[in-house]
All heavy atoms as atom14 arrays in JSON, in Angstrom:
{
  "sequence": "PSVNLTLLLAVVKFDAFEWAIEKATELGVGTI",
  "atom14_mask": [
    [1, 1, 1, 1, 1, 1, 1, 0, 0, 0, 0, 0, 0, 0],
    [1, 1, 1, 1, 1, 1, 0, 0, 0, 0, 0, 0, 0, 0],
    [1, 1, 1, 1, 1, 1, 1, 0, 0, 0, 0, 0, 0, 0],
    [1, 1, 1, 1, 1, 1, 1, 1, 0, 0, 0, 0, 0, 0],
    [1, 1, 1, 1, 1, 1, 1, 1, 0, 0, 0, 0, 0, 0],
    [1, 1, 1, 1, 1, 1, 1, 0, 0, 0, 0, 0, 0, 0],
    [1, 1, 1, 1, 1, 1, 1, 1, 0, 0, 0, 0, 0, 0],
    [1, 1, 1, 1, 1, 1, 1, 1, 0, 0, 0, 0, 0, 0],
    [1, 1, 1, 1, 1, 1, 1, 1, 0, 0, 0, 0, 0, 0],
    [1, 1, 1, 1, 1, 0, 0, 0, 0, 0, 0, 0, 0, 0],
    [1, 1, 1, 1, 1, 1, 1, 0, 0, 0, 0, 0, 0, 0],
    [1, 1, 1, 1, 1, 1, 1, 0, 0, 0, 0, 0, 0, 0],
    [1, 1, 1, 1, 1, 1, 1, 1, 1, 0, 0, 0, 0, 0],
    [1, 1, 1, 1, 1, 1, 1, 1, 1, 1, 1, 0, 0, 0],
    [1, 1, 1, 1, 1, 1, 1, 1, 0, 0, 0, 0, 0, 0],
    [1, 1, 1, 1, 1, 0, 0, 0, 0, 0, 0, 0, 0, 0],
    [1, 1, 1, 1, 1, 1, 1, 1, 1, 1, 1, 0, 0, 0],
    [1, 1, 1, 1, 1, 1, 1, 1, 1, 0, 0, 0, 0, 0],
    [1, 1, 1, 1, 1, 1, 1, 1, 1, 1, 1, 1, 1, 1],
    [1, 1, 1, 1, 1, 0, 0, 0, 0, 0, 0, 0, 0, 0],
    [1, 1, 1, 1, 1, 1, 1, 1, 0, 0, 0, 0, 0, 0],
    [1, 1, 1, 1, 1, 1, 1, 1, 1, 0, 0, 0, 0, 0],
    [1, 1, 1, 1, 1, 1, 1, 1, 1, 0, 0, 0, 0, 0],
    [1, 1, 1, 1, 1, 0, 0, 0, 0, 0, 0, 0, 0, 0],
    [1, 1, 1, 1, 1, 1, 1, 0, 0, 0, 0, 0, 0, 0],
    [1, 1, 1, 1, 1, 1, 1, 1, 1, 0, 0, 0, 0, 0],
    [1, 1, 1, 1, 1, 1, 1, 1, 0, 0, 0, 0, 0, 0],
    [1, 1, 1, 1, 0, 0, 0, 0, 0, 0, 0, 0, 0, 0],
    [1, 1, 1, 1, 1, 1, 1, 0, 0, 0, 0, 0, 0, 0],
    [1, 1, 1, 1, 0, 0, 0, 0, 0, 0, 0, 0, 0, 0],
    [1, 1, 1, 1, 1, 1, 1, 0, 0, 0, 0, 0, 0, 0],
    [1, 1, 1, 1, 1, 1, 1, 1, 0, 0, 0, 0, 0, 0]
  ],
  "atom14_positions": [
    [[0.78, -1.17, 0.0], [-0.03, 0.03, -0.03], [0.83, 1.24, -0.03], [1.89, 1.3, 0.68], [-0.81, -0.1, 1.27], [0.0, -1.07, 2.13], [0.68, -2.0, 1.2], [0.0, 0.0, 0.0], [0.0, 0.0, 0.0], [0.0, 0.0, 0.0], [0.0, 0.0, 0.0], [0.0, 0.0, 0.0], [0.0, 0.0, 0.0], [0.0, 0.0, 0.0]],
    [[0.42, 2.23, -0.73], [1.15, 3.51, -0.82], [0.81, 4.45, 0.37], [1.54, 5.42, 0.62], [0.87, 4.19, -2.12], [-0.5, 4.45, -2.25], [0.0, 0.0, 0.0], [0.0, 0.0, 0.0], [0.0, 0.0, 0.0], [0.0, 0.0, 0.0], [0.0, 0.0, 0.0], [0.0, 0.0, 0.0], [0.0, 0.0, 0.0], [0.0, 0.0, 0.0]],
    [[-0.23, 4.13, 1.1], [-0.59, 4.97, 2.28], [-0.78, 4.03, 3.44], [-1.42, 2.98, 3.41], [-2.04, 5.57, 2.0], [-2.4, 6.41, 3.14], [-1.97, 6.5, 0.71], [0.0, 0.0, 0.0], [0.0, 0.0, 0.0], [0.0, 0.0, 0.0], [0.0, 0.0, 0.0], [0.0, 0.0, 0.0], [0.0, 0.0, 0.0], [0.0, 0.0, 0.0]],
    [[-0.14, 4.46, 4.53], [-0.22, 3.69, 5.76], [-1.46, 4.2, 6.56], [-1.44, 5.33, 7.1], [1.03, 3.95, 6.65], [1.04, 3.2, 7.95], [0.27, 2.19, 8.09], [1.86, 3.63, 8.83], [0.0, 0.0, 0.0], [0.0, 0.0, 0.0], [0.0, 0.0, 0.0], [0.0, 0.0, 0.0], [0.0, 0.0, 0.0], [0.0, 0.0, 0.0]],
    [[-2.4, 3.35, 6.68], [-3.75, 3.74, 7.3], [-3.87, 3.19, 8.68], [-3.56, 1.98, 8.97], [-4.92, 3.22, 6.41], [-5.06, 3.76, 5.05], [-6.21, 3.05, 4.35], [-5.49, 5.27, 5.13], [0.0, 0.0, 0.0], [0.0, 0.0, 0.0], [0.0, 0.0, 0.0], [0.0, 0.0, 0.0], [0.0, 0.0, 0.0], [0.0, 0.0, 0.0]],
    [[-4.24, 4.05, 9.59], [-4.55, 3.62, 11.03], [-6.04, 3.97, 11.33], [-6.43, 5.07, 11.04], [-3.59, 4.35, 11.99], [-2.24, 4.02, 11.74], [-3.98, 4.0, 13.43], [0.0, 0.0, 0.0], [0.0, 0.0, 0.0], [0.0, 0.0, 0.0], [0.0, 0.0, 0.0], [0.0, 0.0, 0.0], [0.0, 0.0, 0.0], [0.0, 0.0, 0.0]],
    [[-6.69, 3.03, 11.91], [-8.05, 3.2, 12.24], [-8.25, 3.17, 13.79], [-7.86, 2.25, 14.45], [-8.92, 2.11, 11.68], [-10.38, 2.02, 12.0], [-11.09, 3.32, 11.49], [-11.09, 0.77, 11.48], [0.0, 0.0, 0.0], [0.0, 0.0, 0.0], [0.0, 0.0, 0.0], [0.0, 0.0, 0.0], [0.0, 0.0, 0.0], [0.0, 0.0, 0.0]],
    [[-8.68, 4.35, 14.32], [-9.05, 4.45, 15.72], [-10.57, 4.27, 15.8], [-11.31, 5.14, 15.34], [-8.64, 5.83, 16.24], [-7.23, 6.32, 15.97], [-7.0, 7.7, 16.58], [-6.21, 5.35, 16.44], [0.0, 0.0, 0.0], [0.0, 0.0, 0.0], [0.0, 0.0, 0.0], [0.0, 0.0, 0.0], [0.0, 0.0, 0.0], [0.0, 0.0, 0.0]],
    [[-10.99, 3.1, 16.31], [-12.4, 2.74, 16.18], [-13.0, 2.51, 17.56], [-12.52, 1.59, 18.33], [-12.57, 1.49, 15.34], [-13.94, 0.95, 15.12], [-14.86, 2.02, 14.47], [-13.9, -0.33, 14.35], [0.0, 0.0, 0.0], [0.0, 0.0, 0.0], [0.0, 0.0, 0.0], [0.0, 0.0, 0.0], [0.0, 0.0, 0.0], [0.0, 0.0, 0.0]],
    [[-13.99, 3.25, 17.9], [-14.74, 3.15, 19.19], [-15.42, 1.78, 19.25], [-15.83, 1.21, 18.24], [-15.71, 4.21, 19.36], [0.0, 0.0, 0.0], [0.0, 0.0, 0.0], [0.0, 0.0, 0.0], [0.0, 0.0, 0.0], [0.0, 0.0, 0.0], [0.0, 0.0, 0.0], [0.0, 0.0, 0.0], [0.0, 0.0, 0.0], [0.0, 0.0, 0.0]],
    [[-15.23, 1.11, 20.39], [-15.92, -0.21, 20.57], [-17.41, -0.07, 20.57], [-18.0, 0.79, 21.27], [-15.47, -0.81, 21.95], [-16.22, -2.1, 22.21], [-13.97, -1.1, 21.91], [0.0, 0.0, 0.0], [0.0, 0.0, 0.0], [0.0, 0.0, 0.0], [0.0, 0.0, 0.0], [0.0, 0.0, 0.0], [0.0, 0.0, 0.0], [0.0, 0.0, 0.0]],
    [[-17.99, -0.85, 19.68], [-19.51, -0.92, 19.59], [-19.89, -2.38, 19.76], [-19.08, -3.19, 20.05], [-20.02, -0.32, 18.25], [-19.76, 1.17, 18.14], [-19.34, -1.03, 17.06], [0.0, 0.0, 0.0], [0.0, 0.0, 0.0], [0.0, 0.0, 0.0], [0.0, 0.0, 0.0], [0.0, 0.0, 0.0], [0.0, 0.0, 0.0], [0.0, 0.0, 0.0]],
    [[-21.16, -2.71, 19.56], [-21.58, -4.03, 19.69], [-20.73, -4.98, 18.84], [-20.39, -4.65, 17.68], [-23.1, -4.14, 19.24], [-24.03, -3.46, 20.24], [-25.49, -3.66, 19.75], [-26.36, -2.93, 20.76], [-27.81, -3.02, 20.36], [0.0, 0.0, 0.0], [0.0, 0.0, 0.0], [0.0, 0.0, 0.0], [0.0, 0.0, 0.0], [0.0, 0.0, 0.0]],
    [[-20.33, -6.11, 19.42], [-19.32, -6.93, 18.88], [-19.51, -7.37, 17.41], [-18.59, -7.47, 16.64], [-18.94, -8.1, 19.75], [-18.29, -7.69, 20.99], [-18.43, -8.32, 22.2], [-17.32, -6.63, 21.05], [-17.79, -8.02, 23.36], [-16.68, -6.2, 22.24], [-16.91, -6.9, 23.34], [0.0, 0.0, 0.0], [0.0, 0.0, 0.0], [0.0, 0.0, 0.0]],
    [[-20.81, -7.68, 17.06], [-21.02, -8.11, 15.72], [-20.68, -7.01, 14.69], [-20.09, -7.26, 13.7], [-22.45, -8.67, 15.53], [-23.51, -7.57, 15.88], [-23.21, -6.58, 16.6], [-24.67, -7.82, 15.45], [0.0, 0.0, 0.0], [0.0, 0.0, 0.0], [0.0, 0.0, 0.0], [0.0, 0.0, 0.0], [0.0, 0.0, 0.0], [0.0, 0.0, 0.0]],
    [[-21.11, -5.81, 15.03], [-20.78, -4.68, 14.17], [-19.28, -4.36, 14.15], [-18.67, -4.06, 13.1], [-21.63, -3.47, 14.63], [0.0, 0.0, 0.0], [0.0, 0.0, 0.0], [0.0, 0.0, 0.0], [0.0, 0.0, 0.0], [0.0, 0.0, 0.0], [0.0, 0.0, 0.0], [0.0, 0.0, 0.0], [0.0, 0.0, 0.0], [0.0, 0.0, 0.0]],
    [[-18.62, -4.39, 15.33], [-17.22, -4.11, 15.46], [-16.41, -5.07, 14.66], [-15.49, -4.71, 13.97], [-16.78, -4.1, 16.96], [-15.39, -3.67, 17.14], [-15.14, -2.32, 17.33], [-14.38, -4.55, 17.17], [-13.81, -1.9, 17.57], [-13.09, -4.15, 17.45], [-12.77, -2.81, 17.6], [0.0, 0.0, 0.0], [0.0, 0.0, 0.0], [0.0, 0.0, 0.0]],
    [[-16.77, -6.37, 14.79], [-15.99, -7.38, 14.1], [-16.24, -7.3, 12.54], [-15.27, -7.54, 11.83], [-16.33, -8.74, 14.61], [-15.85, -8.92, 16.05], [-16.43, -10.18, 16.76], [-17.21, -10.92, 16.14], [-16.03, -10.38, 17.94], [0.0, 0.0, 0.0], [0.0, 0.0, 0.0], [0.0, 0.0, 0.0], [0.0, 0.0, 0.0], [0.0, 0.0, 0.0]],
    [[-17.4, -6.94, 12.1], [-17.61, -6.77, 10.68], [-16.76, -5.6, 10.23], [-16.17, -5.67, 9.1], [-19.11, -6.54, 10.44], [-19.56, -6.54, 8.96], [-19.93, -7.59, 8.26], [-19.53, -5.35, 8.16], [-20.26, -7.12, 6.97], [-19.96, -5.86, 6.9], [-19.21, -4.08, 8.21], [-20.12, -4.91, 5.76], [-19.35, -3.2, 7.18], [-19.76, -3.62, 5.99]],
    [[-16.74, -4.52, 11.04], [-15.98, -3.35, 10.66], [-14.49, -3.57, 10.47], [-13.86, -3.14, 9.57], [-16.27, -2.19, 11.66], [0.0, 0.0, 0.0], [0.0, 0.0, 0.0], [0.0, 0.0, 0.0], [0.0, 0.0, 0.0], [0.0, 0.0, 0.0], [0.0, 0.0, 0.0], [0.0, 0.0, 0.0], [0.0, 0.0, 0.0], [0.0, 0.0, 0.0]],
    [[-13.93, -4.36, 11.44], [-12.47, -4.55, 11.35], [-12.13, -5.53, 10.27], [-11.02, -5.53, 9.65], [-11.84, -5.04, 12.73], [-12.4, -6.41, 13.14], [-12.12, -4.02, 13.79], [-11.75, -6.96, 14.42], [0.0, 0.0, 0.0], [0.0, 0.0, 0.0], [0.0, 0.0, 0.0], [0.0, 0.0, 0.0], [0.0, 0.0, 0.0], [0.0, 0.0, 0.0]],
    [[-13.07, -6.46, 9.95], [-12.87, -7.31, 8.74], [-12.78, -6.5, 7.51], [-11.84, -6.7, 6.67], [-13.98, -8.33, 8.75], [-13.91, -9.25, 7.45], [-15.09, -10.16, 7.39], [-16.12, -9.67, 6.89], [-15.04, -11.35, 7.8], [0.0, 0.0, 0.0], [0.0, 0.0, 0.0], [0.0, 0.0, 0.0], [0.0, 0.0, 0.0], [0.0, 0.0, 0.0]],
    [[-13.71, -5.59, 7.3], [-13.72, -4.78, 6.11], [-12.64, -3.81, 6.02], [-12.12, -3.46, 4.99], [-15.05, -4.07, 5.95], [-16.29, -4.97, 5.89], [-16.13, -6.17, 4.94], [-17.17, -7.17, 5.07], [-16.89, -8.43, 4.25], [0.0, 0.0, 0.0], [0.0, 0.0, 0.0], [0.0, 0.0, 0.0], [0.0, 0.0, 0.0], [0.0, 0.0, 0.0]],
    [[-12.24, -3.29, 7.22], [-11.11, -2.41, 7.28], [-9.82, -3.12, 6.81], [-8.96, -2.52, 6.19], [-10.91, -1.85, 8.72], [0.0, 0.0, 0.0], [0.0, 0.0, 0.0], [0.0, 0.0, 0.0], [0.0, 0.0, 0.0], [0.0, 0.0, 0.0], [0.0, 0.0, 0.0], [0.0, 0.0, 0.0], [0.0, 0.0, 0.0], [0.0, 0.0, 0.0]],
    [[-9.7, -4.38, 7.18], [-8.56, -5.12, 6.75], [-8.59, -5.28, 5.26], [-7.48, -5.1, 4.56], [-8.57, -6.54, 7.37], [-8.49, -6.34, 8.79], [-7.45, -7.39, 6.92], [0.0, 0.0, 0.0], [0.0, 0.0, 0.0], [0.0, 0.0, 0.0], [0.0, 0.0, 0.0], [0.0, 0.0, 0.0], [0.0, 0.0, 0.0], [0.0, 0.0, 0.0]],
    [[-9.74, -5.56, 4.69], [-9.78, -5.69, 3.25], [-9.48, -4.39, 2.54], [-8.98, -4.42, 1.37], [-11.21, -6.2, 2.84], [-11.58, -7.59, 3.3], [-13.03, -7.98, 2.99], [-13.6, -7.38, 2.04], [-13.59, -8.82, 3.66], [0.0, 0.0, 0.0], [0.0, 0.0, 0.0], [0.0, 0.0, 0.0], [0.0, 0.0, 0.0], [0.0, 0.0, 0.0]],
    [[-9.74, -3.28, 3.17], [-9.43, -1.92, 2.57], [-8.07, -1.39, 2.85], [-7.8, -0.31, 2.54], [-10.61, -1.0, 3.08], [-11.96, -1.18, 2.42], [-13.0, -0.42, 3.21], [-12.02, -0.74, 1.0], [0.0, 0.0, 0.0], [0.0, 0.0, 0.0], [0.0, 0.0, 0.0], [0.0, 0.0, 0.0], [0.0, 0.0, 0.0], [0.0, 0.0, 0.0]],
    [[-7.24, -2.28, 3.48], [-5.85, -1.91, 3.53], [-5.38, -1.23, 4.82], [-4.18, -0.77, 4.89], [0.0, 0.0, 0.0], [0.0, 0.0, 0.0], [0.0, 0.0, 0.0], [0.0, 0.0, 0.0], [0.0, 0.0, 0.0], [0.0, 0.0, 0.0], [0.0, 0.0, 0.0], [0.0, 0.0, 0.0], [0.0, 0.0, 0.0], [0.0, 0.0, 0.0]],
    [[-6.15, -1.27, 5.89], [-5.71, -0.66, 7.17], [-4.53, -1.35, 7.74], [-4.47, -2.62, 7.73], [-6.85, -0.63, 8.14], [-6.39, -0.36, 9.59], [-7.87, 0.48, 7.82], [0.0, 0.0, 0.0], [0.0, 0.0, 0.0], [0.0, 0.0, 0.0], [0.0, 0.0, 0.0], [0.0, 0.0, 0.0], [0.0, 0.0, 0.0], [0.0, 0.0, 0.0]],
    [[-3.51, -0.6, 8.21], [-2.32, -1.26, 8.77], [-2.34, -1.46, 10.21], [-1.72, -2.39, 10.79], [0.0, 0.0, 0.0], [0.0, 0.0, 0.0], [0.0, 0.0, 0.0], [0.0, 0.0, 0.0], [0.0, 0.0, 0.0], [0.0, 0.0, 0.0], [0.0, 0.0, 0.0], [0.0, 0.0, 0.0], [0.0, 0.0, 0.0], [0.0, 0.0, 0.0]],
    [[-3.11, -0.55, 10.91], [-3.22, -0.69, 12.41], [-4.63, -0.34, 12.84], [-5.2, 0.6, 12.29], [-2.22, 0.3, 13.07], [-0.83, 0.02, 12.68], [-2.36, 0.18, 14.61], [0.0, 0.0, 0.0], [0.0, 0.0, 0.0], [0.0, 0.0, 0.0], [0.0, 0.0, 0.0], [0.0, 0.0, 0.0], [0.0, 0.0, 0.0], [0.0, 0.0, 0.0]],
    [[-5.16, -1.13, 13.78], [-6.48, -0.85, 14.35], [-6.35, -0.69, 15.86], [-5.68, -1.5, 16.56], [-7.41, -2.02, 14.06], [-7.63, -2.13, 12.54], [-8.83, -1.79, 14.75], [-8.4, -3.38, 12.1], [0.0, 0.0, 0.0], [0.0, 0.0, 0.0], [0.0, 0.0, 0.0], [0.0, 0.0, 0.0], [0.0, 0.0, 0.0], [0.0, 0.0, 0.0]]
  ]
}
């Protein structure tokens, strides 16, 4: 990746949080 992405993500209900970090991974995030 040409851009180093970091996601600061507030904890929400776990099904939504886990879906979000899965998609963030697919979209190239380097740190969560």
